[in-house]
Amino acid sequence: LKYHWDQQTFREVLVFQYYRPVAAEGGFVLDPRDRLDDSIILEPL
């Protein structure tokens, strides 16, 4: 993925992830199954 990113093979890379609730009063946390490597920096859209 890093190679294609450097070569600009794709103009846009989108990521779909689930966040699950952490408590009854609210708040969400990333589902562990949808976690990516820390090297990928995401901007929520």
All heavy atoms as atom14 arrays in JSON, in Angstrom:
{
  "sequence": "LKYHWDQQTFREVLVFQYYRPVAAEGGFVLDPRDRLDDSIILEPL",
  "atom14_mask": [
    [1, 1, 1, 1, 1, 1, 1, 1, 0, 0, 0, 0, 0, 0],
    [1, 1, 1, 1, 1, 1, 1, 1, 1, 0, 0, 0, 0, 0],
    [1, 1, 1, 1, 1, 1, 1, 1, 1, 1, 1, 1, 0, 0],
    [1, 1, 1, 1, 1, 1, 1, 1, 1, 1, 0, 0, 0, 0],
    [1, 1, 1, 1, 1, 1, 1, 1, 1, 1, 1, 1, 1, 1],
    [1, 1, 1, 1, 1, 1, 1, 1, 0, 0, 0, 0, 0, 0],
    [1, 1, 1, 1, 1, 1, 1, 1, 1, 0, 0, 0, 0, 0],
    [1, 1, 1, 1, 1, 1, 1, 1, 1, 0, 0, 0, 0, 0],
    [1, 1, 1, 1, 1, 1, 1, 0, 0, 0, 0, 0, 0, 0],
    [1, 1, 1, 1, 1, 1, 1, 1, 1, 1, 1, 0, 0, 0],
    [1, 1, 1, 1, 1, 1, 1, 1, 1, 1, 1, 0, 0, 0],
    [1, 1, 1, 1, 1, 1, 1, 1, 1, 0, 0, 0, 0, 0],
    [1, 1, 1, 1, 1, 1, 1, 0, 0, 0, 0, 0, 0, 0],
    [1, 1, 1, 1, 1, 1, 1, 1, 0, 0, 0, 0, 0, 0],
    [1, 1, 1, 1, 1, 1, 1, 0, 0, 0, 0, 0, 0, 0],
    [1, 1, 1, 1, 1, 1, 1, 1, 1, 1, 1, 0, 0, 0],
    [1, 1, 1, 1, 1, 1, 1, 1, 1, 0, 0, 0, 0, 0],
    [1, 1, 1, 1, 1, 1, 1, 1, 1, 1, 1, 1, 0, 0],
    [1, 1, 1, 1, 1, 1, 1, 1, 1, 1, 1, 1, 0, 0],
    [1, 1, 1, 1, 1, 1, 1, 1, 1, 1, 1, 0, 0, 0],
    [1, 1, 1, 1, 1, 1, 1, 0, 0, 0, 0, 0, 0, 0],
    [1, 1, 1, 1, 1, 1, 1, 0, 0, 0, 0, 0, 0, 0],
    [1, 1, 1, 1, 1, 0, 0, 0, 0, 0, 0, 0, 0, 0],
    [1, 1, 1, 1, 1, 0, 0, 0, 0, 0, 0, 0, 0, 0],
    [1, 1, 1, 1, 1, 1, 1, 1, 1, 0, 0, 0, 0, 0],
    [1, 1, 1, 1, 0, 0, 0, 0, 0, 0, 0, 0, 0, 0],
    [1, 1, 1, 1, 0, 0, 0, 0, 0, 0, 0, 0, 0, 0],
    [1, 1, 1, 1, 1, 1, 1, 1, 1, 1, 1, 0, 0, 0],
    [1, 1, 1, 1, 1, 1, 1, 0, 0, 0, 0, 0, 0, 0],
    [1, 1, 1, 1, 1, 1, 1, 1, 0, 0, 0, 0, 0, 0],
    [1, 1, 1, 1, 1, 1, 1, 1, 0, 0, 0, 0, 0, 0],
    [1, 1, 1, 1, 1, 1, 1, 0, 0, 0, 0, 0, 0, 0],
    [1, 1, 1, 1, 1, 1, 1, 1, 1, 1, 1, 0, 0, 0],
    [1, 1, 1, 1, 1, 1, 1, 1, 0, 0, 0, 0, 0, 0],
    [1, 1, 1, 1, 1, 1, 1, 1, 1, 1, 1, 0, 0, 0],
    [1, 1, 1, 1, 1, 1, 1, 1, 0, 0, 0, 0, 0, 0],
    [1, 1, 1, 1, 1, 1, 1, 1, 0, 0, 0, 0, 0, 0],
    [1, 1, 1, 1, 1, 1, 1, 1, 0, 0, 0, 0, 0, 0],
    [1, 1, 1, 1, 1, 1, 0, 0, 0, 0, 0, 0, 0, 0],
    [1, 1, 1, 1, 1, 1, 1, 1, 0, 0, 0, 0, 0, 0],
    [1, 1, 1, 1, 1, 1, 1, 1, 0, 0, 0, 0, 0, 0],
    [1, 1, 1, 1, 1, 1, 1, 1, 0, 0, 0, 0, 0, 0],
    [1, 1, 1, 1, 1, 1, 1, 1, 1, 0, 0, 0, 0, 0],
    [1, 1, 1, 1, 1, 1, 1, 0, 0, 0, 0, 0, 0, 0],
    [1, 1, 1, 1, 1, 1, 1, 1, 0, 0, 0, 0, 0, 0]
  ],
  "atom14_positions": [
    [[0.84, -1.2, 0.0], [0.0, 0.0, 0.0], [0.88, 1.25, 0.0], [0.58, 2.24, -0.69], [-0.92, 0.0, 1.22], [-1.86, 1.21, 1.36], [-2.79, 1.3, 0.16], [-2.65, 1.13, 2.65], [0.0, 0.0, 0.0], [0.0, 0.0, 0.0], [0.0, 0.0, 0.0], [0.0, 0.0, 0.0], [0.0, 0.0, 0.0], [0.0, 0.0, 0.0]],
    [[1.99, 1.21, 0.78], [2.9, 2.35, 0.82], [3.52, 2.61, -0.56], [3.66, 3.77, -0.99], [4.02, 2.06, 1.82], [5.07, 3.18, 1.97], [4.46, 4.41, 2.62], [5.53, 5.4, 3.08], [6.39, 5.9, 2.01], [0.0, 0.0, 0.0], [0.0, 0.0, 0.0], [0.0, 0.0, 0.0], [0.0, 0.0, 0.0], [0.0, 0.0, 0.0]],
    [[3.83, 1.56, -1.28], [4.4, 1.72, -2.62], [3.4, 2.42, -3.55], [3.77, 3.37, -4.27], [4.77, 0.35, -3.19], [5.18, 0.38, -4.65], [6.46, 0.76, -5.02], [4.27, 0.05, -5.63], [6.83, 0.83, -6.36], [4.61, 0.1, -6.98], [5.9, 0.49, -7.34], [6.24, 0.55, -8.66], [0.0, 0.0, 0.0], [0.0, 0.0, 0.0]],
    [[2.15, 1.94, -3.56], [1.14, 2.57, -4.43], [0.86, 4.01, -3.99], [0.58, 4.88, -4.83], [-0.15, 1.74, -4.4], [-0.07, 0.48, -5.21], [-0.06, 0.48, -6.58], [0.02, -0.82, -4.83], [0.02, -0.77, -7.02], [0.07, -1.58, -5.97], [0.0, 0.0, 0.0], [0.0, 0.0, 0.0], [0.0, 0.0, 0.0], [0.0, 0.0, 0.0]],
    [[0.94, 4.24, -2.69], [0.74, 5.61, -2.19], [1.85, 6.52, -2.71], [1.58, 7.64, -3.17], [0.71, 5.58, -0.66], [0.54, 6.94, -0.04], [1.51, 7.77, 0.42], [-0.7, 7.62, 0.16], [0.98, 8.93, 0.91], [-0.38, 8.87, 0.77], [-2.03, 7.32, -0.09], [-1.35, 9.79, 1.12], [-3.0, 8.24, 0.25], [-2.68, 9.46, 0.84]],
    [[3.06, 6.07, -2.66], [4.19, 6.88, -3.14], [4.12, 7.08, -4.66], [4.51, 8.14, -5.16], [5.51, 6.21, -2.77], [5.75, 6.2, -1.26], [5.12, 7.03, -0.56], [6.54, 5.35, -0.8], [0.0, 0.0, 0.0], [0.0, 0.0, 0.0], [0.0, 0.0, 0.0], [0.0, 0.0, 0.0], [0.0, 0.0, 0.0], [0.0, 0.0, 0.0]],
    [[3.66, 6.06, -5.37], [3.57, 6.16, -6.83], [2.31, 6.89, -7.29], [2.14, 7.11, -8.49], [3.58, 4.75, -7.44], [4.85, 3.97, -7.19], [6.07, 4.63, -7.81], [6.02, 5.09, -8.95], [7.17, 4.69, -7.05], [0.0, 0.0, 0.0], [0.0, 0.0, 0.0], [0.0, 0.0, 0.0], [0.0, 0.0, 0.0], [0.0, 0.0, 0.0]],
    [[1.44, 7.24, -6.33], [0.18, 7.93, -6.63], [-0.67, 7.14, -7.63], [-1.28, 7.68, -8.56], [0.44, 9.33, -7.16], [1.15, 10.23, -6.13], [1.31, 11.65, -6.62], [1.09, 11.97, -7.79], [1.69, 12.53, -5.72], [0.0, 0.0, 0.0], [0.0, 0.0, 0.0], [0.0, 0.0, 0.0], [0.0, 0.0, 0.0], [0.0, 0.0, 0.0]],
    [[-0.7, 5.82, -7.4], [-1.54, 4.96, -8.24], [-3.01, 5.34, -8.09], [-3.77, 5.34, -9.06], [-1.35, 3.48, -7.85], [0.04, 3.17, -7.89], [-2.12, 2.57, -8.78], [0.0, 0.0, 0.0], [0.0, 0.0, 0.0], [0.0, 0.0, 0.0], [0.0, 0.0, 0.0], [0.0, 0.0, 0.0], [0.0, 0.0, 0.0], [0.0, 0.0, 0.0]],
    [[-3.4, 5.68, -6.86], [-4.78, 6.06, -6.57], [-4.82, 7.5, -6.08], [-3.97, 7.94, -5.3], [-5.37, 5.12, -5.49], [-5.24, 3.66, -5.83], [-4.31, 2.86, -5.18], [-6.04, 3.1, -6.8], [-4.18, 1.52, -5.49], [-5.93, 1.76, -7.11], [-4.99, 0.96, -6.46], [0.0, 0.0, 0.0], [0.0, 0.0, 0.0], [0.0, 0.0, 0.0]],
    [[-5.84, 8.22, -6.53], [-6.01, 9.6, -6.1], [-6.67, 9.67, -4.72], [-6.56, 10.68, -4.02], [-6.89, 10.35, -7.11], [-6.23, 10.55, -8.46], [-5.26, 11.72, -8.43], [-5.95, 12.93, -8.08], [-6.64, 13.69, -8.95], [-6.73, 13.32, -10.23], [-7.22, 14.8, -8.56], [0.0, 0.0, 0.0], [0.0, 0.0, 0.0], [0.0, 0.0, 0.0]],
    [[-7.37, 8.58, -4.35], [-8.08, 8.59, -3.07], [-8.12, 7.18, -2.51], [-8.4, 6.22, -3.23], [-9.49, 9.13, -3.25], [-10.28, 9.27, -1.95], [-11.64, 9.9, -2.17], [-12.49, 9.25, -2.81], [-11.85, 11.03, -1.69], [0.0, 0.0, 0.0], [0.0, 0.0, 0.0], [0.0, 0.0, 0.0], [0.0, 0.0, 0.0], [0.0, 0.0, 0.0]],
    [[-7.83, 7.05, -1.21], [-7.93, 5.77, -0.51], [-8.91, 5.97, 0.64], [-8.69, 6.79, 1.54], [-6.57, 5.31, 0.04], [-6.73, 3.99, 0.81], [-5.56, 5.14, -1.09], [0.0, 0.0, 0.0], [0.0, 0.0, 0.0], [0.0, 0.0, 0.0], [0.0, 0.0, 0.0], [0.0, 0.0, 0.0], [0.0, 0.0, 0.0], [0.0, 0.0, 0.0]],
    [[-10.03, 5.24, 0.59], [-11.08, 5.35, 1.61], [-11.05, 4.13, 2.51], [-10.76, 3.01, 2.05], [-12.46, 5.48, 0.96], [-12.71, 6.72, 0.1], [-14.11, 6.67, -0.49], [-12.51, 7.99, 0.91], [0.0, 0.0, 0.0], [0.0, 0.0, 0.0], [0.0, 0.0, 0.0], [0.0, 0.0, 0.0], [0.0, 0.0, 0.0], [0.0, 0.0, 0.0]],
    [[-11.4, 4.34, 3.78], [-11.42, 3.26, 4.77], [-12.78, 3.27, 5.47], [-13.25, 4.34, 5.91], [-10.29, 3.44, 5.82], [-10.34, 2.3, 6.84], [-8.93, 3.49, 5.14], [0.0, 0.0, 0.0], [0.0, 0.0, 0.0], [0.0, 0.0, 0.0], [0.0, 0.0, 0.0], [0.0, 0.0, 0.0], [0.0, 0.0, 0.0], [0.0, 0.0, 0.0]],
    [[-13.4, 2.11, 5.57], [-14.68, 1.95, 6.27], [-14.42, 1.15, 7.55], [-13.88, 0.04, 7.5], [-15.7, 1.22, 5.4], [-16.16, 2.01, 4.21], [-15.44, 1.97, 3.01], [-17.29, 2.81, 4.28], [-15.85, 2.7, 1.92], [-17.71, 3.54, 3.18], [-16.98, 3.49, 2.0], [0.0, 0.0, 0.0], [0.0, 0.0, 0.0], [0.0, 0.0, 0.0]],
    [[-14.83, 1.72, 8.69], [-14.58, 1.09, 9.99], [-15.8, 1.24, 10.9], [-16.54, 2.23, 10.81], [-13.37, 1.73, 10.68], [-12.05, 1.55, 9.95], [-10.96, 2.43, 10.53], [-11.09, 3.66, 10.55], [-9.88, 1.81, 10.99], [0.0, 0.0, 0.0], [0.0, 0.0, 0.0], [0.0, 0.0, 0.0], [0.0, 0.0, 0.0], [0.0, 0.0, 0.0]],
    [[-15.96, 0.25, 11.79], [-17.01, 0.32, 12.8], [-16.44, 0.87, 14.11], [-15.3, 0.56, 14.49], [-17.59, -1.07, 13.09], [-18.53, -1.59, 12.04], [-18.41, -2.92, 11.59], [-19.54, -0.8, 11.5], [-19.28, -3.43, 10.63], [-20.41, -1.3, 10.55], [-20.27, -2.61, 10.11], [-21.12, -3.11, 9.16], [0.0, 0.0, 0.0], [0.0, 0.0, 0.0]],
    [[-17.26, 1.65, 14.8], [-16.98, 2.09, 16.17], [-18.13, 1.6, 17.04], [-19.3, 1.79, 16.69], [-16.85, 3.62, 16.25], [-15.54, 4.14, 15.75], [-15.23, 4.13, 14.38], [-14.57, 4.62, 16.63], [-14.02, 4.59, 13.91], [-13.34, 5.09, 16.17], [-13.08, 5.07, 14.81], [-11.87, 5.53, 14.36], [0.0, 0.0, 0.0], [0.0, 0.0, 0.0]],
    [[-17.81, 0.97, 18.14], [-18.85, 0.4, 18.99], [-18.98, 1.22, 20.27], [-18.04, 1.88, 20.71], [-18.52, -1.05, 19.33], [-17.22, -1.26, 20.06], [-16.9, -2.73, 20.19], [-15.74, -2.98, 21.04], [-15.19, -4.17, 21.22], [-15.71, -5.21, 20.59], [-14.16, -4.32, 22.02], [0.0, 0.0, 0.0], [0.0, 0.0, 0.0], [0.0, 0.0, 0.0]],
    [[-20.17, 1.21, 20.88], [-20.4, 2.02, 22.09], [-19.58, 1.5, 23.26], [-19.36, 0.29, 23.4], [-21.9, 1.88, 22.34], [-22.29, 0.61, 21.66], [-21.39, 0.48, 20.47], [0.0, 0.0, 0.0], [0.0, 0.0, 0.0], [0.0, 0.0, 0.0], [0.0, 0.0, 0.0], [0.0, 0.0, 0.0], [0.0, 0.0, 0.0], [0.0, 0.0, 0.0]],
    [[-19.16, 2.43, 24.11], [-18.35, 2.05, 25.28], [-19.15, 2.09, 26.57], [-18.78, 1.48, 27.56], [-17.12, 2.96, 25.41], [-16.18, 2.73, 24.24], [-17.51, 4.43, 25.48], [0.0, 0.0, 0.0], [0.0, 0.0, 0.0], [0.0, 0.0, 0.0], [0.0, 0.0, 0.0], [0.0, 0.0, 0.0], [0.0, 0.0, 0.0], [0.0, 0.0, 0.0]],
    [[-20.25, 2.84, 26.61], [-21.06, 2.94, 27.82], [-22.46, 3.38, 27.44], [-22.71, 3.89, 26.35], [-20.44, 3.95, 28.8], [0.0, 0.0, 0.0], [0.0, 0.0, 0.0], [0.0, 0.0, 0.0], [0.0, 0.0, 0.0], [0.0, 0.0, 0.0], [0.0, 0.0, 0.0], [0.0, 0.0, 0.0], [0.0, 0.0, 0.0], [0.0, 0.0, 0.0]],
    [[-23.39, 3.19, 28.39], [-24.78, 3.55, 28.14], [-24.96, 5.04, 27.92], [-25.84, 5.49, 27.18], [-25.66, 3.07, 29.3], [0.0, 0.0, 0.0], [0.0, 0.0, 0.0], [0.0, 0.0, 0.0], [0.0, 0.0, 0.0], [0.0, 0.0, 0.0], [0.0, 0.0, 0.0], [0.0, 0.0, 0.0], [0.0, 0.0, 0.0], [0.0, 0.0, 0.0]],
    [[-24.12, 5.84, 28.57], [-24.27, 7.3, 28.46], [-23.69, 7.85, 27.16], [-23.83, 9.04, 26.87], [-23.6, 8.0, 29.65], [-22.12, 7.7, 29.82], [-21.88, 6.48, 30.69], [-22.85, 5.72, 30.93], [-20.73, 6.29, 31.13], [0.0, 0.0, 0.0], [0.0, 0.0, 0.0], [0.0, 0.0, 0.0], [0.0, 0.0, 0.0], [0.0, 0.0, 0.0]],
    [[-23.04, 7.03, 26.36], [-22.55, 7.49, 25.07], [-21.07, 7.24, 24.9], [-20.38, 6.74, 25.79], [0.0, 0.0, 0.0], [0.0, 0.0, 0.0], [0.0, 0.0, 0.0], [0.0, 0.0, 0.0], [0.0, 0.0, 0.0], [0.0, 0.0, 0.0], [0.0, 0.0, 0.0], [0.0, 0.0, 0.0], [0.0, 0.0, 0.0], [0.0, 0.0, 0.0]],
    [[-20.57, 7.61, 23.73], [-19.16, 7.43, 23.42], [-18.93, 6.17, 22.6], [-19.61, 5.15, 22.79], [0.0, 0.0, 0.0], [0.0, 0.0, 0.0], [0.0, 0.0, 0.0], [0.0, 0.0, 0.0], [0.0, 0.0, 0.0], [0.0, 0.0, 0.0], [0.0, 0.0, 0.0], [0.0, 0.0, 0.0], [0.0, 0.0, 0.0], [0.0, 0.0, 0.0]],
    [[-17.98, 6.23, 21.66], [-17.68, 5.1, 20.78], [-16.17, 4.88, 20.74], [-15.38, 5.82, 20.88], [-18.19, 5.36, 19.36], [-19.69, 5.4, 19.26], [-20.39, 6.58, 19.47], [-20.4, 4.26, 18.95], [-21.76, 6.62, 19.38], [-21.78, 4.28, 18.85], [-22.47, 5.47, 19.07], [0.0, 0.0, 0.0], [0.0, 0.0, 0.0], [0.0, 0.0, 0.0]],
    [[-15.79, 3.64, 20.51], [-14.39, 3.28, 20.39], [-14.24, 2.37, 19.18], [-15.15, 1.6, 18.84], [-13.88, 2.58, 21.67], [-14.6, 1.24, 21.87], [-12.38, 2.37, 21.6], [0.0, 0.0, 0.0], [0.0, 0.0, 0.0], [0.0, 0.0, 0.0], [0.0, 0.0, 0.0], [0.0, 0.0, 0.0], [0.0, 0.0, 0.0], [0.0, 0.0, 0.0]],
    [[-13.1, 2.45, 18.5], [-12.86, 1.66, 17.3], [-12.95, 0.17, 17.6], [-12.37, -0.33, 18.56], [-11.47, 1.99, 16.74], [-11.04, 1.21, 15.49], [-11.94, 1.51, 14.31], [-9.58, 1.52, 15.15], [0.0, 0.0, 0.0], [0.0, 0.0, 0.0], [0.0, 0.0, 0.0], [0.0, 0.0, 0.0], [0.0, 0.0, 0.0], [0.0, 0.0, 0.0]],
    [[-13.69, -0.55, 16.77], [-13.77, -2.0, 16.88], [-12.38, -2.58, 16.62], [-11.76, -2.29, 15.59], [-14.77, -2.54, 15.86], [-15.12, -4.0, 16.09], [-14.19, -4.79, 16.34], [-16.3, -4.35, 16.02], [0.0, 0.0, 0.0], [0.0, 0.0, 0.0], [0.0, 0.0, 0.0], [0.0, 0.0, 0.0], [0.0, 0.0, 0.0], [0.0, 0.0, 0.0]],
    [[-11.87, -3.41, 17.54], [-10.51, -3.96, 17.35], [-10.32, -4.7, 16.04], [-9.22, -4.72, 15.48], [-10.36, -4.91, 18.55], [-11.32, -4.4, 19.57], [-12.47, -3.83, 18.81], [0.0, 0.0, 0.0], [0.0, 0.0, 0.0], [0.0, 0.0, 0.0], [0.0, 0.0, 0.0], [0.0, 0.0, 0.0], [0.0, 0.0, 0.0], [0.0, 0.0, 0.0]],
    [[-11.37, -5.28, 15.51], [-11.26, -6.02, 14.25], [-11.03, -5.09, 13.06], [-10.59, -5.53, 12.0], [-12.52, -6.86, 14.03], [-12.7, -7.98, 15.03], [-14.06, -8.63, 14.93], [-15.13, -7.69, 15.26], [-16.42, -8.0, 15.3], [-16.8, -9.24, 15.03], [-17.33, -7.1, 15.61], [0.0, 0.0, 0.0], [0.0, 0.0, 0.0], [0.0, 0.0, 0.0]],
    [[-11.34, -3.8, 13.24], [-11.2, -2.84, 12.14], [-9.97, -1.95, 12.31], [-9.83, -0.94, 11.62], [-12.45, -1.96, 12.04], [-13.68, -2.75, 11.62], [-13.53, -3.92, 11.25], [-14.79, -2.19, 11.64], [0.0, 0.0, 0.0], [0.0, 0.0, 0.0], [0.0, 0.0, 0.0], [0.0, 0.0, 0.0], [0.0, 0.0, 0.0], [0.0, 0.0, 0.0]],
    [[-9.09, -2.33, 13.2], [-7.91, -1.51, 13.46], [-6.86, -1.71, 12.37], [-6.58, -2.83, 11.95], [-7.32, -1.87, 14.82], [-6.21, -0.94, 15.29], [-5.75, -1.34, 16.68], [-6.82, -1.2, 17.65], [-7.15, -0.07, 18.26], [-6.48, 1.03, 17.97], [-8.12, -0.04, 19.14], [0.0, 0.0, 0.0], [0.0, 0.0, 0.0], [0.0, 0.0, 0.0]],
    [[-6.28, -0.6, 11.9], [-5.22, -0.63, 10.91], [-3.89, -0.29, 11.56], [-3.83, 0.13, 12.71], [-5.53, 0.36, 9.78], [-6.66, -0.01, 8.82], [-7.0, 1.17, 7.92], [-6.29, -1.23, 7.99], [0.0, 0.0, 0.0], [0.0, 0.0, 0.0], [0.0, 0.0, 0.0], [0.0, 0.0, 0.0], [0.0, 0.0, 0.0], [0.0, 0.0, 0.0]],
    [[-2.83, -0.44, 10.8], [-1.5, -0.12, 11.29], [-1.39, 1.37, 11.62], [-2.0, 2.22, 10.96], [-0.47, -0.5, 10.22], [0.93, -0.56, 10.78], [1.52, 0.51, 10.98], [1.4, -1.68, 11.04], [0.0, 0.0, 0.0], [0.0, 0.0, 0.0], [0.0, 0.0, 0.0], [0.0, 0.0, 0.0], [0.0, 0.0, 0.0], [0.0, 0.0, 0.0]],
    [[-0.58, 1.7, 12.63], [-0.4, 3.1, 13.05], [0.24, 3.95, 11.96], [0.18, 5.19, 12.02], [0.46, 3.17, 14.31], [-0.34, 2.8, 15.55], [-1.58, 2.79, 15.46], [0.28, 2.52, 16.59], [0.0, 0.0, 0.0], [0.0, 0.0, 0.0], [0.0, 0.0, 0.0], [0.0, 0.0, 0.0], [0.0, 0.0, 0.0], [0.0, 0.0, 0.0]],
    [[0.85, 3.31, 10.98], [1.49, 4.09, 9.93], [0.48, 4.77, 9.01], [0.83, 5.7, 8.27], [2.41, 3.19, 9.1], [1.64, 2.18, 8.48], [0.0, 0.0, 0.0], [0.0, 0.0, 0.0], [0.0, 0.0, 0.0], [0.0, 0.0, 0.0], [0.0, 0.0, 0.0], [0.0, 0.0, 0.0], [0.0, 0.0, 0.0], [0.0, 0.0, 0.0]],
    [[-0.75, 4.31, 9.03], [-1.8, 4.9, 8.18], [-2.49, 6.0, 8.97], [-3.1, 5.76, 10.01], [-2.81, 3.83, 7.74], [-2.12, 2.73, 6.93], [-3.92, 4.47, 6.91], [-3.05, 1.64, 6.46], [0.0, 0.0, 0.0], [0.0, 0.0, 0.0], [0.0, 0.0, 0.0], [0.0, 0.0, 0.0], [0.0, 0.0, 0.0], [0.0, 0.0, 0.0]],
    [[-2.4, 7.21, 8.47], [-3.02, 8.37, 9.11], [-4.32, 8.67, 8.39], [-4.34, 8.85, 7.16], [-2.09, 9.6, 9.07], [-0.7, 9.21, 9.61], [-2.69, 10.74, 9.88], [-0.71, 8.63, 11.01], [0.0, 0.0, 0.0], [0.0, 0.0, 0.0], [0.0, 0.0, 0.0], [0.0, 0.0, 0.0], [0.0, 0.0, 0.0], [0.0, 0.0, 0.0]],
    [[-5.42, 8.72, 9.15], [-6.76, 8.86, 8.57], [-7.36, 10.22, 8.9], [-7.13, 10.78, 9.98], [-7.69, 7.76, 9.08], [-7.26, 6.3, 8.81], [-8.26, 5.35, 9.44], [-7.15, 6.05, 7.31], [0.0, 0.0, 0.0], [0.0, 0.0, 0.0], [0.0, 0.0, 0.0], [0.0, 0.0, 0.0], [0.0, 0.0, 0.0], [0.0, 0.0, 0.0]],
    [[-8.17, 10.68, 7.96], [-8.97, 11.89, 8.16], [-10.45, 11.49, 8.07], [-10.91, 11.08, 7.0], [-8.67, 12.93, 7.1], [-9.56, 14.17, 7.2], [-9.44, 15.07, 6.0], [-8.94, 14.63, 4.95], [-9.88, 16.23, 6.11], [0.0, 0.0, 0.0], [0.0, 0.0, 0.0], [0.0, 0.0, 0.0], [0.0, 0.0, 0.0], [0.0, 0.0, 0.0]],
    [[-11.23, 11.59, 9.18], [-12.65, 11.23, 9.11], [-13.4, 12.12, 8.13], [-13.22, 13.34, 8.12], [-13.13, 11.43, 10.54], [-11.9, 11.37, 11.38], [-10.81, 11.96, 10.53], [0.0, 0.0, 0.0], [0.0, 0.0, 0.0], [0.0, 0.0, 0.0], [0.0, 0.0, 0.0], [0.0, 0.0, 0.0], [0.0, 0.0, 0.0], [0.0, 0.0, 0.0]],
    [[-14.25, 11.49, 7.31], [-15.05, 12.24, 6.34], [-16.54, 12.23, 6.67], [-17.22, 13.23, 6.48], [-14.85, 11.65, 4.94], [-13.46, 11.72, 4.34], [-13.45, 11.05, 2.97], [-12.99, 13.16, 4.22], [0.0, 0.0, 0.0], [0.0, 0.0, 0.0], [0.0, 0.0, 0.0], [0.0, 0.0, 0.0], [0.0, 0.0, 0.0], [0.0, 0.0, 0.0]]
  ]
}
